[in-house]
Amino acid sequence: MRLSLSAPEGRIRSATGGLLGTSTMLKNTLFGLTAVLSVSLTLLAQGPRRIPLGDWPEARGPNRDGVSKETGLVDRWALNGENFLWRAPYGGRSAPIVMGNRLCVQNPTGSGPALQERVMCLDADSGKVIWEYKFNIFQSDVPAHRVGWASPAADPETGNIYALSVGAEVIALSKDGKPLWNRSLGEEWAAFTTHGGRTMSPLVDGDLVIVSAAISSWGTSANRAHRLVAFDKRTGDIVYVANPGSRPYDTAYAAPVIATINGLRLLIVGLGDGATHAIKPQTGEKVWSFVSSKRAINTGAVVSASSVIVSHGDENLGSSELGLIAAVDGSQTGDIKTTKWKVLGDQFGFSSPVIDGNRVYQVENGSRLKAFELSSGKELWQKQLGTVQKAPLVLGDGKLYVGTESGKFFILRPGAERADVLSEVELPLSKNSVQQADGTPEPILAGAAVSRGRVFFVSSDAVYAIGPRRASPVAGFAVDAPAERGEGAPAYLQVTPTELVLKPAQIIKMHARLFDAKGRFLREEPSASWSLQGLKGSVNNGTFLVATDAIEQAGLIKAVAAGLTGDARARVAHPLPWTE
């Protein structure tokens, strides 16, 4: 059965300003809301996070590091031959994800005035379409061949799917492709999407879905910055907006990773300001930053113990050499100025690294696969794969799986001294490319996904599946992390929803949430003291009643609890003299 869904003209909205759909503009963001008596946030302690072995819920896998724990994976295949499972004609430039027997991808559909972006789910056994959800692109100058840059992300708890469009819309879908909520960062935060189209894939952490974009708003957030925005995954309400860096040079799409270093959970990601940043993933508090480039960081970091491997392909600080790979001590705080080791001169601009024991593998822009010693940065060997590289490596069963922009898919066995090519398959000449690559072997720009003995990847023209006809049985968990529970004294007060667009006489329930020094949730504080700054209305026991005055307002809703202060920002817009 194929279910096709398109975004409706009238949007479903979150209660505090989110929109669902594609074409209604900012006036509906401000005035189309109905009064609500309460917004109930269900955010609890972080975790547990359990992902069955065989699921690949985000672009870089269950641990967001490009590594699969599965064994018995294919070491060779042939087009329409050995270990070839299926090819579905839905090309793209982002990586697939897999949950159960469903594979989801994000790609463009249509052309010219009919161009849209979409998320679609395929049957992993056959490649047949189960459902698709299409949405429009607006307030963006991203060209057609860069649409569908990000990968969707799946929530292991609910099965819901989250996507960030090239127009900076955050879209939540049920596991059956039905719309749940939507927030337009382009309308609400003036997102800077650029011709480049670089868009970060969402990350799901506990009850949050986290994205990033170069955005600006009002007041203290009026400056342009590459911010991370965390939404309640169920309602679409904004829980925090983090700004760990400085003004961005460009948009960026580095894959984020969450790792625990010395007992502290960190979300580590490169942003458009040329730096890699670490924040506490549940609160957005900055822990450290490492500035390394004069352009955006587009490669994901990987972590081993306290070593964070970072890289880029642009101009270094204090050097005319292009490109870097380095190890940073991620147990530090503040602005990190030194490295454990670094190697300059290799342009690792797009393809993210993987860690294999005491070796780090990464492919530079010219499609040379390189191996470095994790402890020292010593180069061990290199292998030429093609001429141009975007796709990151995936490591599984002692083998590397990677496609090239030259239109080849490789399976390699890396070792201490070299990498042996087990399989090298050139894809067909592109005939219906979404990357403007017609007439060349179908380029591969994104990483593979590994699920139940099979390997899936996306080319400019199609989704490919290789491996056994029958999915391999798997048992256990790829991730089995216990719940993160806070302890000790409160150290941070979070007020949610933290960004509001309201109208006169609207009522909204606010929440004061306490976290410990490690960014772990302690409790919601019912006895918090509340006040307003720059807003007309009243707030009693966390319930904010906007004044009935038909005037524009902007200000803070402040809470004090356990000796800590937190606030949320709200705009109130007066109704305009029209009806729809």
Protein backbone atom coordinates (compact mmCIF):
# COMPACT_ATOMS: atom_id res chain seq x y z
CA MET A 1 0.00 0.00 0.00
CA ARG A 2 1.26 3.48 -0.84
CA LEU A 3 0.07 6.44 1.18
CA SER A 4 0.85 9.88 -0.19
CA LEU A 5 0.44 12.88 2.08
CA SER A 6 1.01 16.52 1.23
CA ALA A 7 1.16 19.37 3.68
CA PRO A 8 -2.28 20.98 4.12
CA GLU A 9 -3.00 24.61 3.33
CA GLY A 10 -4.31 25.22 6.87
CA ARG A 11 -1.57 24.38 9.32
CA ILE A 12 -1.72 22.32 12.46
CA ARG A 13 0.12 24.26 15.12
CA SER A 14 1.81 23.82 18.43
CA ALA A 15 -0.04 25.71 21.14
CA THR A 16 2.73 28.27 21.51
CA GLY A 17 3.50 29.36 18.02
CA GLY A 18 4.41 26.35 15.89
CA LEU A 19 2.80 25.87 12.51
CA LEU A 20 2.06 22.81 10.46
CA GLY A 21 1.94 22.91 6.68
CA THR A 22 3.81 24.84 4.07
CA SER A 23 2.34 27.97 2.63
CA THR A 24 0.87 30.20 5.33
CA MET A 25 3.13 33.15 6.12
CA LEU A 26 4.14 34.93 9.32
CA LYS A 27 0.79 36.65 9.84
CA ASN A 28 -0.72 33.26 10.62
CA THR A 29 2.14 32.48 12.99
CA LEU A 30 1.17 35.54 14.99
CA PHE A 31 -2.60 35.63 14.79
CA GLY A 32 -3.90 32.19 13.88
CA LEU A 33 -3.59 30.78 17.37
CA THR A 34 -6.54 29.88 19.53
CA ALA A 35 -6.43 30.56 23.25
CA VAL A 36 -5.21 27.64 25.29
CA LEU A 37 -5.71 26.99 28.97
CA SER A 38 -2.56 24.99 29.48
CA VAL A 39 0.39 23.49 27.70
CA SER A 40 1.43 20.31 29.46
CA LEU A 41 5.09 19.47 29.02
CA THR A 42 5.93 15.82 29.53
CA LEU A 43 9.69 16.26 29.80
CA LEU A 44 11.11 13.98 32.45
CA ALA A 45 14.53 12.58 33.31
CA GLN A 46 16.78 11.76 30.38
CA GLY A 47 16.47 8.19 29.12
CA PRO A 48 16.61 5.35 29.12
CA ARG A 49 17.78 5.13 25.50
CA ARG A 50 17.36 1.68 24.02
CA ILE A 51 17.89 1.01 20.32
CA PRO A 52 17.59 -2.57 19.08
CA LEU A 53 20.50 -3.98 17.13
CA GLY A 54 19.47 -3.61 13.51
CA ASP A 55 17.93 -0.16 13.80
CA TRP A 56 19.71 2.87 12.31
CA PRO A 57 17.57 5.79 13.59
CA GLU A 58 19.80 8.73 12.61
CA ALA A 59 22.13 9.54 9.74
CA ARG A 60 25.26 8.35 11.55
CA GLY A 61 23.68 5.33 13.20
CA PRO A 62 22.49 4.40 16.70
CA ASN A 63 25.55 5.89 18.44
CA ARG A 64 25.90 8.73 15.89
CA ASP A 65 29.48 7.65 15.15
CA GLY A 66 29.12 5.79 11.84
CA VAL A 67 29.73 2.38 13.45
CA SER A 68 27.53 -0.73 13.31
CA LYS A 69 27.82 -3.59 15.81
CA GLU A 70 26.33 -6.09 13.37
CA THR A 71 28.37 -9.02 12.08
CA GLY A 72 28.16 -11.16 8.96
CA LEU A 73 27.78 -8.16 6.64
CA VAL A 74 28.34 -8.48 2.89
CA ASP A 75 31.85 -8.08 1.52
CA ARG A 76 30.94 -7.98 -2.18
CA TRP A 77 28.00 -7.36 -4.48
CA ALA A 78 27.17 -6.75 -8.14
CA LEU A 79 24.53 -4.68 -9.89
CA ASN A 80 21.57 -6.98 -10.56
CA GLY A 81 23.71 -9.87 -9.35
CA GLU A 82 25.24 -11.28 -6.20
CA ASN A 83 23.92 -9.72 -2.98
CA PHE A 84 21.90 -7.14 -4.94
CA LEU A 85 18.54 -6.74 -3.22
CA TRP A 86 16.73 -3.84 -4.90
CA ARG A 87 17.01 -0.39 -6.43
CA ALA A 88 14.20 2.17 -5.95
CA PRO A 89 14.13 5.28 -8.21
CA TYR A 90 14.19 7.95 -5.48
CA GLY A 91 17.48 9.80 -5.68
CA GLY A 92 18.81 12.22 -3.09
CA ARG A 93 21.84 13.61 -1.36
CA SER A 94 21.25 12.53 2.26
CA ALA A 95 21.62 9.28 4.18
CA PRO A 96 18.80 6.81 4.82
CA ILE A 97 17.62 5.74 8.27
CA VAL A 98 16.05 2.40 9.20
CA MET A 99 13.61 1.46 11.96
CA GLY A 100 12.35 -2.10 11.97
CA ASN A 101 11.49 -2.99 8.42
CA ARG A 102 11.04 0.60 7.27
CA LEU A 103 13.67 2.70 5.54
CA CYS A 104 13.12 6.47 5.45
CA VAL A 105 14.78 9.03 3.20
CA GLN A 106 14.48 12.76 2.54
CA ASN A 107 14.69 14.04 -1.03
CA PRO A 108 13.28 16.47 -3.61
CA THR A 109 10.24 15.73 -5.73
CA GLY A 110 8.82 17.58 -8.72
CA SER A 111 10.55 20.35 -10.63
CA GLY A 112 10.21 24.03 -11.41
CA PRO A 113 7.17 25.61 -9.72
CA ALA A 114 6.11 22.13 -8.55
CA LEU A 115 9.39 21.44 -6.70
CA GLN A 116 8.83 20.18 -3.15
CA GLU A 117 10.81 18.41 -0.46
CA ARG A 118 9.57 15.15 0.98
CA VAL A 119 10.14 12.42 3.53
CA MET A 120 9.27 8.93 2.36
CA CYS A 121 9.30 5.49 3.93
CA LEU A 122 10.07 2.35 1.94
CA ASP A 123 9.70 -1.33 2.73
CA ALA A 124 13.22 -2.55 3.54
CA ASP A 125 12.57 -5.94 1.92
CA SER A 126 11.28 -4.68 -1.41
CA GLY A 127 11.92 -0.93 -1.77
CA LYS A 128 8.20 -0.31 -2.28
CA VAL A 129 6.83 3.00 -1.02
CA ILE A 130 4.78 2.75 2.18
CA TRP A 131 4.09 6.48 2.55
CA GLU A 132 5.44 9.86 1.56
CA TYR A 133 4.90 13.35 2.96
CA LYS A 134 5.58 16.38 0.77
CA PHE A 135 6.15 19.97 1.88
CA ASN A 136 6.84 23.24 0.12
CA ILE A 137 10.04 25.28 0.14
CA PHE A 138 9.65 29.00 0.84
CA GLN A 139 11.67 31.94 2.15
CA SER A 140 14.77 30.19 0.87
CA ASP A 141 17.09 30.55 -2.11
CA VAL A 142 18.32 26.94 -2.00
CA PRO A 143 18.58 25.59 -5.58
CA ALA A 144 16.79 22.45 -6.70
CA HIS A 145 19.84 20.18 -6.73
CA ARG A 146 20.51 20.88 -3.05
CA VAL A 147 16.99 20.20 -1.77
CA GLY A 148 16.76 17.32 0.71
CA TRP A 149 20.19 17.96 2.21
CA ALA A 150 19.43 16.65 5.71
CA SER A 151 18.45 13.14 6.73
CA PRO A 152 15.35 12.48 8.81
CA ALA A 153 15.69 11.17 12.36
CA ALA A 154 13.51 8.58 14.08
CA ASP A 155 12.57 8.54 17.75
CA PRO A 156 13.24 5.06 19.20
CA GLU A 157 10.55 5.57 21.84
CA THR A 158 7.58 6.62 19.69
CA GLY A 159 8.67 5.77 16.16
CA ASN A 160 7.93 9.36 15.12
CA ILE A 161 10.01 10.89 12.33
CA TYR A 162 11.56 14.38 12.42
CA ALA A 163 12.90 16.37 9.48
CA LEU A 164 14.57 19.74 8.94
CA SER A 165 13.90 21.15 5.49
CA VAL A 166 16.27 23.29 3.44
CA GLY A 167 13.88 26.14 4.21
CA ALA A 168 14.47 25.57 7.96
CA GLU A 169 11.11 24.02 8.76
CA VAL A 170 11.11 21.47 11.55
CA ILE A 171 8.52 18.82 10.75
CA ALA A 172 7.25 16.04 13.02
CA LEU A 173 5.50 13.03 11.50
CA SER A 174 4.03 9.90 13.01
CA LYS A 175 5.56 6.55 12.08
CA ASP A 176 2.78 6.32 9.49
CA GLY A 177 3.67 9.65 7.90
CA LYS A 178 0.89 11.74 9.40
CA PRO A 179 1.72 15.32 10.45
CA LEU A 180 2.04 15.99 14.18
CA TRP A 181 3.51 19.50 14.40
CA ASN A 182 5.69 21.95 12.52
CA ARG A 183 7.83 25.00 13.34
CA SER A 184 9.11 27.38 10.69
CA LEU A 185 12.48 28.79 11.73
CA GLY A 186 12.44 30.74 8.50
CA GLU A 187 9.38 32.70 9.60
CA GLU A 188 9.91 32.77 13.36
CA TRP A 189 13.70 33.21 13.42
CA ALA A 190 14.62 34.61 9.98
CA ALA A 191 16.73 31.54 9.23
CA PHE A 192 19.62 32.11 6.85
CA THR A 193 19.43 29.11 4.48
CA THR A 194 21.78 30.27 1.66
CA HIS A 195 22.38 29.00 -1.85
CA GLY A 196 24.60 26.27 -0.41
CA GLY A 197 21.67 24.47 1.18
CA ARG A 198 23.71 22.97 4.03
CA THR A 199 21.27 21.69 6.63
CA MET A 200 21.96 19.73 9.83
CA SER A 201 20.11 16.46 10.32
CA PRO A 202 17.96 16.44 13.50
CA LEU A 203 18.99 14.63 16.66
CA VAL A 204 16.55 13.06 19.15
CA ASP A 205 17.64 13.05 22.79
CA GLY A 206 15.11 11.94 25.36
CA ASP A 207 12.08 14.18 24.99
CA LEU A 208 13.90 16.68 22.79
CA VAL A 209 14.45 16.96 19.06
CA ILE A 210 17.43 19.24 18.40
CA VAL A 211 18.32 21.09 15.19
CA SER A 212 20.63 23.94 14.27
CA ALA A 213 20.44 26.88 11.88
CA ALA A 214 21.90 30.34 11.35
CA ILE A 215 19.08 32.42 12.82
CA SER A 216 18.26 35.74 14.48
CA SER A 217 15.23 37.08 16.31
CA TRP A 218 14.64 40.05 18.61
CA GLY A 219 16.19 41.61 21.69
CA THR A 220 19.21 39.70 22.98
CA SER A 221 18.82 37.23 20.10
CA ALA A 222 18.81 39.86 17.36
CA ASN A 223 22.38 39.04 16.34
CA ARG A 224 22.94 36.49 13.59
CA ALA A 225 24.29 33.28 15.12
CA HIS A 226 24.36 29.58 14.38
CA ARG A 227 22.09 28.43 17.20
CA LEU A 228 20.89 25.05 18.38
CA VAL A 229 17.15 24.87 19.00
CA ALA A 230 15.61 22.12 21.13
CA PHE A 231 11.91 21.30 20.75
CA ASP A 232 9.62 19.18 22.87
CA LYS A 233 9.32 16.19 20.55
CA ARG A 234 5.62 15.74 21.33
CA THR A 235 4.32 19.32 21.14
CA GLY A 236 6.86 21.31 19.13
CA ASP A 237 7.29 23.85 21.94
CA ILE A 238 10.77 25.37 22.14
CA VAL A 239 12.59 24.15 25.25
CA TYR A 240 15.87 26.01 24.76
CA VAL A 241 17.85 28.02 22.23
CA ALA A 242 21.62 27.67 22.63
CA ASN A 243 24.19 30.04 21.16
CA PRO A 244 27.62 28.63 22.07
CA GLY A 245 29.60 30.42 19.33
CA SER A 246 30.09 33.61 17.39
CA ARG A 247 28.76 35.02 14.12
CA PRO A 248 28.76 32.34 11.41
CA TYR A 249 30.75 32.51 8.20
CA ASP A 250 28.27 30.21 6.49
CA THR A 251 25.61 27.60 7.02
CA ALA A 252 26.87 24.17 8.14
CA TYR A 253 25.67 20.59 8.33
CA ALA A 254 28.10 18.77 10.66
CA ALA A 255 26.54 15.64 12.15
CA PRO A 256 26.12 16.05 15.94
CA VAL A 257 27.22 13.39 18.41
CA ILE A 258 26.39 12.86 22.08
CA ALA A 259 29.13 11.36 24.23
CA THR A 260 29.84 11.07 27.95
CA ILE A 261 33.27 12.36 28.99
CA ASN A 262 34.25 12.05 32.66
CA GLY A 263 30.62 11.52 33.62
CA LEU A 264 29.30 14.57 31.75
CA ARG A 265 27.01 14.06 28.75
CA LEU A 266 27.97 16.41 25.92
CA LEU A 267 26.37 17.23 22.59
CA ILE A 268 29.34 17.97 20.33
CA VAL A 269 28.86 19.62 16.94
CA GLY A 270 30.65 21.86 14.47
CA LEU A 271 28.85 25.07 13.50
CA GLY A 272 29.09 27.83 10.93
CA ASP A 273 31.50 29.95 13.00
CA GLY A 274 34.47 27.66 12.33
CA ALA A 275 34.33 26.03 15.76
CA THR A 276 33.35 22.75 17.35
CA HIS A 277 31.18 23.24 20.43
CA ALA A 278 30.06 21.10 23.35
CA ILE A 279 26.84 21.81 25.23
CA LYS A 280 24.75 19.96 27.80
CA PRO A 281 22.12 18.35 25.55
CA GLN A 282 19.13 18.75 27.90
CA THR A 283 19.72 22.39 28.85
CA GLY A 284 21.82 23.91 26.07
CA GLU A 285 24.46 25.21 28.52
CA LYS A 286 27.85 25.69 26.87
CA VAL A 287 30.69 23.53 28.19
CA TRP A 288 33.51 24.24 25.73
CA SER A 289 34.41 25.50 22.27
CA PHE A 290 37.36 24.81 19.99
CA VAL A 291 37.83 27.29 17.13
CA SER A 292 39.86 25.79 14.27
CA SER A 293 38.74 27.25 10.93
CA LYS A 294 37.91 30.47 9.12
CA ARG A 295 34.90 28.81 7.51
CA ALA A 296 32.05 26.56 8.65
CA ILE A 297 32.66 23.09 10.10
CA ASN A 298 30.83 20.43 8.05
CA THR A 299 32.35 17.22 9.43
CA GLY A 300 31.03 15.38 12.45
CA ALA A 301 33.20 14.70 15.49
CA VAL A 302 33.88 11.25 16.95
CA VAL A 303 34.89 10.47 20.52
CA SER A 304 37.11 7.92 22.27
CA ALA A 305 37.44 8.29 26.05
CA SER A 306 38.26 12.02 26.47
CA SER A 307 39.65 12.47 22.94
CA VAL A 308 37.38 14.31 20.50
CA ILE A 309 38.45 13.97 16.87
CA VAL A 310 37.62 17.12 14.89
CA SER A 311 38.38 18.06 11.30
CA HIS A 312 37.70 20.56 8.52
CA GLY A 313 38.77 21.39 4.98
CA ASP A 314 39.23 25.15 5.00
CA GLU A 315 41.76 27.76 6.10
CA ASN A 316 43.33 27.19 9.48
CA LEU A 317 43.86 29.83 12.12
CA GLY A 318 47.41 31.16 11.99
CA SER A 319 48.34 29.12 8.93
CA SER A 320 47.87 29.30 5.18
CA GLU A 321 47.46 25.53 4.96
CA LEU A 322 44.00 24.20 4.20
CA GLY A 323 42.44 21.44 6.24
CA LEU A 324 42.98 19.81 9.62
CA ILE A 325 42.38 16.69 11.66
CA ALA A 326 43.05 16.93 15.39
CA ALA A 327 42.39 15.39 18.78
CA VAL A 328 41.02 17.67 21.46
CA ASP A 329 40.74 16.91 25.18
CA GLY A 330 36.96 16.99 25.63
CA SER A 331 37.17 16.93 29.43
CA GLN A 332 38.00 20.65 29.48
CA THR A 333 35.70 23.64 29.87
CA GLY A 334 35.65 27.10 28.31
CA ASP A 335 37.60 28.03 25.19
CA ILE A 336 40.02 25.23 24.27
CA LYS A 337 43.26 26.56 22.77
CA THR A 338 45.43 23.44 22.49
CA THR A 339 45.18 19.97 20.98
CA LYS A 340 46.51 16.55 21.93
CA TRP A 341 47.74 16.35 18.33
CA LYS A 342 46.91 17.85 14.98
CA VAL A 343 47.74 17.29 11.34
CA LEU A 344 47.48 20.20 8.90
CA GLY A 345 47.21 20.12 5.13
CA ASP A 346 44.56 17.47 4.45
CA GLN A 347 41.20 18.93 3.40
CA PHE A 348 38.67 16.93 5.39
CA GLY A 349 35.84 19.22 4.39
CA PHE A 350 32.82 16.94 4.15
CA SER A 351 33.33 13.25 4.97
CA SER A 352 33.14 12.49 8.70
CA PRO A 353 35.62 10.13 10.41
CA VAL A 354 35.14 6.80 12.18
CA ILE A 355 37.17 5.23 14.98
CA ASP A 356 38.38 1.61 14.78
CA GLY A 357 40.25 0.67 17.94
CA ASN A 358 43.43 2.79 17.94
CA ARG A 359 42.90 3.98 14.38
CA VAL A 360 40.92 6.85 12.90
CA TYR A 361 39.78 6.68 9.28
CA GLN A 362 38.66 9.65 7.21
CA VAL A 363 38.34 10.49 3.50
CA GLU A 364 39.63 13.87 2.34
CA ASN A 365 38.01 15.98 -0.37
CA GLY A 366 40.05 14.36 -3.14
CA SER A 367 38.68 10.92 -2.15
CA ARG A 368 41.83 9.66 -0.47
CA LEU A 369 41.03 7.38 2.47
CA LYS A 370 43.53 7.95 5.26
CA ALA A 371 44.30 6.14 8.51
CA PHE A 372 45.77 7.83 11.57
CA GLU A 373 46.90 6.49 14.92
CA LEU A 374 44.29 7.62 17.44
CA SER A 375 46.76 8.26 20.24
CA SER A 376 49.33 10.28 18.27
CA GLY A 377 47.88 11.39 14.92
CA LYS A 378 50.60 9.54 13.03
CA GLU A 379 49.51 8.77 9.46
CA LEU A 380 49.51 5.00 8.92
CA TRP A 381 48.42 4.60 5.30
CA GLN A 382 46.25 6.03 2.54
CA LYS A 383 44.11 4.63 -0.28
CA GLN A 384 42.83 6.47 -3.35
CA LEU A 385 39.12 5.82 -3.96
CA GLY A 386 38.17 8.41 -6.56
CA THR A 387 38.53 12.10 -7.27
CA VAL A 388 35.82 13.90 -5.26
CA GLN A 389 34.37 12.99 -1.87
CA LYS A 390 31.37 14.01 0.23
CA ALA A 391 30.03 10.78 1.80
CA PRO A 392 31.24 9.73 5.26
CA LEU A 393 32.52 6.27 6.14
CA VAL A 394 30.50 3.57 7.85
CA LEU A 395 32.35 0.84 9.78
CA GLY A 396 30.77 -2.54 10.42
CA ASP A 397 31.95 -6.15 10.79
CA GLY A 398 35.55 -5.03 10.33
CA LYS A 399 34.77 -3.46 6.96
CA LEU A 400 34.35 0.08 5.64
CA TYR A 401 31.36 0.96 3.45
CA VAL A 402 31.53 4.20 1.49
CA GLY A 403 30.34 5.74 -1.75
CA THR A 404 32.10 8.43 -3.77
CA GLU A 405 31.01 11.43 -5.77
CA SER A 406 32.71 9.66 -8.71
CA GLY A 407 29.83 7.16 -8.67
CA LYS A 408 31.45 4.12 -7.05
CA PHE A 409 30.53 2.18 -3.92
CA PHE A 410 33.41 0.55 -2.04
CA ILE A 411 33.66 -2.19 0.55
CA LEU A 412 37.13 -2.26 2.13
CA ARG A 413 38.86 -4.18 4.88
CA PRO A 414 41.14 -1.78 6.80
CA GLY A 415 44.17 -2.95 8.72
CA ALA A 416 47.20 -1.62 10.50
CA GLU A 417 49.20 -1.08 7.32
CA ARG A 418 46.71 -0.81 4.45
CA ALA A 419 43.12 -1.14 3.29
CA ASP A 420 42.17 -3.96 0.93
CA VAL A 421 39.37 -3.39 -1.57
CA LEU A 422 36.86 -6.22 -1.28
CA SER A 423 34.32 -4.75 -3.68
CA GLU A 424 34.30 -1.77 -6.06
CA VAL A 425 31.06 -1.25 -7.97
CA GLU A 426 30.49 1.61 -10.42
CA LEU A 427 26.88 2.73 -10.53
CA PRO A 428 24.93 3.22 -13.79
CA LEU A 429 25.09 6.47 -15.70
CA SER A 430 22.68 8.97 -14.18
CA LYS A 431 19.50 9.51 -16.19
CA ASN A 432 17.24 11.26 -13.70
CA SER A 433 19.61 12.95 -11.29
CA VAL A 434 18.49 15.20 -8.46
CA GLN A 435 22.09 16.45 -8.30
CA GLN A 436 22.49 17.75 -11.89
CA ALA A 437 24.72 14.75 -12.65
CA ASP A 438 23.03 13.24 -15.72
CA GLY A 439 25.43 11.34 -17.94
CA THR A 440 27.93 10.48 -15.19
CA PRO A 441 27.97 7.44 -12.86
CA GLU A 442 25.41 8.16 -10.15
CA PRO A 443 27.21 10.20 -7.44
CA ILE A 444 26.87 9.23 -3.77
CA LEU A 445 27.04 12.17 -1.36
CA ALA A 446 25.88 10.63 1.94
CA GLY A 447 26.66 7.73 4.22
CA ALA A 448 25.21 4.25 4.24
CA ALA A 449 22.87 2.65 6.79
CA VAL A 450 23.34 -0.87 8.16
CA SER A 451 20.31 -2.86 9.24
CA ARG A 452 19.77 -6.58 9.83
CA GLY A 453 22.57 -7.76 7.59
CA ARG A 454 21.83 -5.29 4.83
CA VAL A 455 23.50 -2.10 3.66
CA PHE A 456 21.44 0.76 2.22
CA PHE A 457 22.69 3.89 0.46
CA VAL A 458 21.34 6.71 -1.71
CA SER A 459 22.71 7.92 -5.05
CA SER A 460 21.68 10.86 -7.20
CA ASP A 461 19.09 8.65 -8.88
CA ALA A 462 18.06 5.88 -6.52
CA VAL A 463 18.04 4.12 -3.16
CA TYR A 464 20.07 0.89 -3.18
CA ALA A 465 19.83 -2.15 -0.91
CA ILE A 466 22.48 -4.85 -0.84
CA GLY A 467 22.67 -7.97 1.29
CA PRO A 468 20.59 -11.10 1.94
CA ARG A 469 17.05 -11.58 0.61
CA ARG A 470 15.89 -12.44 4.08
CA ALA A 471 16.81 -9.96 6.80
CA SER A 472 19.39 -11.38 9.18
CA PRO A 473 18.08 -12.16 12.66
CA VAL A 474 19.60 -9.89 15.31
CA ALA A 475 19.23 -9.85 19.08
CA GLY A 476 20.13 -7.40 21.78
CA PHE A 477 20.65 -3.68 21.61
CA ALA A 478 22.95 -1.40 19.71
CA VAL A 479 22.38 1.12 22.52
CA ASP A 480 21.14 0.26 26.01
CA ALA A 481 21.71 3.37 28.11
CA PRO A 482 20.02 3.67 31.51
CA ALA A 483 18.02 6.68 32.54
CA GLU A 484 20.07 9.75 33.43
CA ARG A 485 18.83 10.92 36.81
CA GLY A 486 19.97 14.08 38.48
CA GLU A 487 21.44 14.30 41.93
CA GLY A 488 22.71 16.95 44.28
CA ALA A 489 21.85 20.62 44.47
CA PRO A 490 20.07 22.46 41.66
CA ALA A 491 22.48 24.36 39.41
CA TYR A 492 20.30 25.53 36.50
CA LEU A 493 16.72 26.73 36.14
CA GLN A 494 15.02 26.25 32.78
CA VAL A 495 11.74 28.01 31.98
CA THR A 496 9.60 26.41 29.29
CA PRO A 497 8.23 27.01 26.74
CA THR A 498 11.15 29.36 26.30
CA GLU A 499 10.13 31.21 23.09
CA LEU A 500 6.51 32.30 22.70
CA VAL A 501 4.42 34.13 20.11
CA LEU A 502 1.12 35.06 21.74
CA LYS A 503 -1.94 37.24 21.26
CA PRO A 504 -3.94 39.41 23.67
CA ALA A 505 -5.94 37.53 26.33
CA GLN A 506 -4.14 34.25 25.65
CA ILE A 507 -3.42 31.99 28.62
CA ILE A 508 -0.32 29.82 28.76
CA LYS A 509 1.03 27.48 31.43
CA MET A 510 4.74 27.92 32.13
CA HIS A 511 7.09 25.42 33.77
CA ALA A 512 10.14 25.95 35.99
CA ARG A 513 12.49 22.97 35.72
CA LEU A 514 15.58 22.40 37.83
CA PHE A 515 18.74 20.61 36.66
CA ASP A 516 21.93 19.58 38.45
CA ALA A 517 25.47 20.69 37.60
CA LYS A 518 25.78 17.97 34.94
CA GLY A 519 22.66 19.12 33.09
CA ARG A 520 20.48 16.29 34.42
CA PHE A 521 16.83 16.89 35.26
CA LEU A 522 15.97 17.06 38.96
CA ARG A 523 12.37 18.18 39.21
CA GLU A 524 9.74 20.67 38.14
CA GLU A 525 9.48 23.34 40.82
CA PRO A 526 5.81 24.07 41.72
CA SER A 527 6.72 26.75 44.26
CA ALA A 528 8.72 28.97 41.89
CA SER A 529 8.18 32.72 42.15
CA TRP A 530 7.02 34.30 38.89
CA SER A 531 7.17 37.83 37.48
CA LEU A 532 6.91 39.72 34.20
CA GLN A 533 9.39 42.11 32.61
CA GLY A 534 8.27 44.30 29.72
CA LEU A 535 4.93 42.48 29.39
CA LYS A 536 1.41 43.49 30.40
CA GLY A 537 -0.66 40.79 32.05
CA SER A 538 -0.41 38.57 35.09
CA VAL A 539 1.40 35.39 36.03
CA ASN A 540 0.21 33.29 38.97
CA ASN A 541 1.65 29.87 39.84
CA GLY A 542 3.19 29.72 36.40
CA THR A 543 0.00 30.56 34.50
CA PHE A 544 0.55 33.61 32.28
CA LEU A 545 -2.51 35.62 31.25
CA VAL A 546 -1.72 38.12 28.51
CA ALA A 547 -3.41 41.49 28.94
CA THR A 548 -6.38 42.18 26.69
CA ASP A 549 -4.83 45.42 25.38
CA ALA A 550 -4.55 45.29 21.58
CA ILE A 551 -0.92 46.39 21.60
CA GLU A 552 2.40 44.94 20.57
CA GLN A 553 4.58 43.66 23.41
CA ALA A 554 7.87 41.85 23.93
CA GLY A 555 9.46 40.83 27.19
CA LEU A 556 10.34 38.14 29.69
CA ILE A 557 8.45 35.72 31.90
CA LYS A 558 10.80 35.17 34.84
CA ALA A 559 10.98 32.46 37.48
CA VAL A 560 13.01 32.17 40.67
CA ALA A 561 13.50 28.84 42.44
CA ALA A 562 16.20 27.28 44.64
CA GLY A 563 18.12 30.54 44.49
CA LEU A 564 18.30 30.38 40.68
CA THR A 565 16.72 32.61 38.03
CA GLY A 566 15.45 31.62 34.61
CA ASP A 567 13.28 33.23 31.98
CA ALA A 568 11.29 32.72 28.82
CA ARG A 569 10.87 35.26 26.02
CA ALA A 570 7.47 36.24 24.66
CA ARG A 571 6.16 38.43 21.89
CA VAL A 572 2.55 39.58 21.82
CA ALA A 573 1.16 40.94 18.56
CA HIS A 574 -2.06 42.89 18.26
CA PRO A 575 -4.66 41.62 15.79
CA LEU A 576 -4.74 43.24 12.36
CA PRO A 577 -8.00 44.54 10.83
CA TRP A 578 -8.71 41.60 8.55
CA THR A 579 -10.34 38.19 8.63
CA GLU A 580 -9.62 35.03 6.68
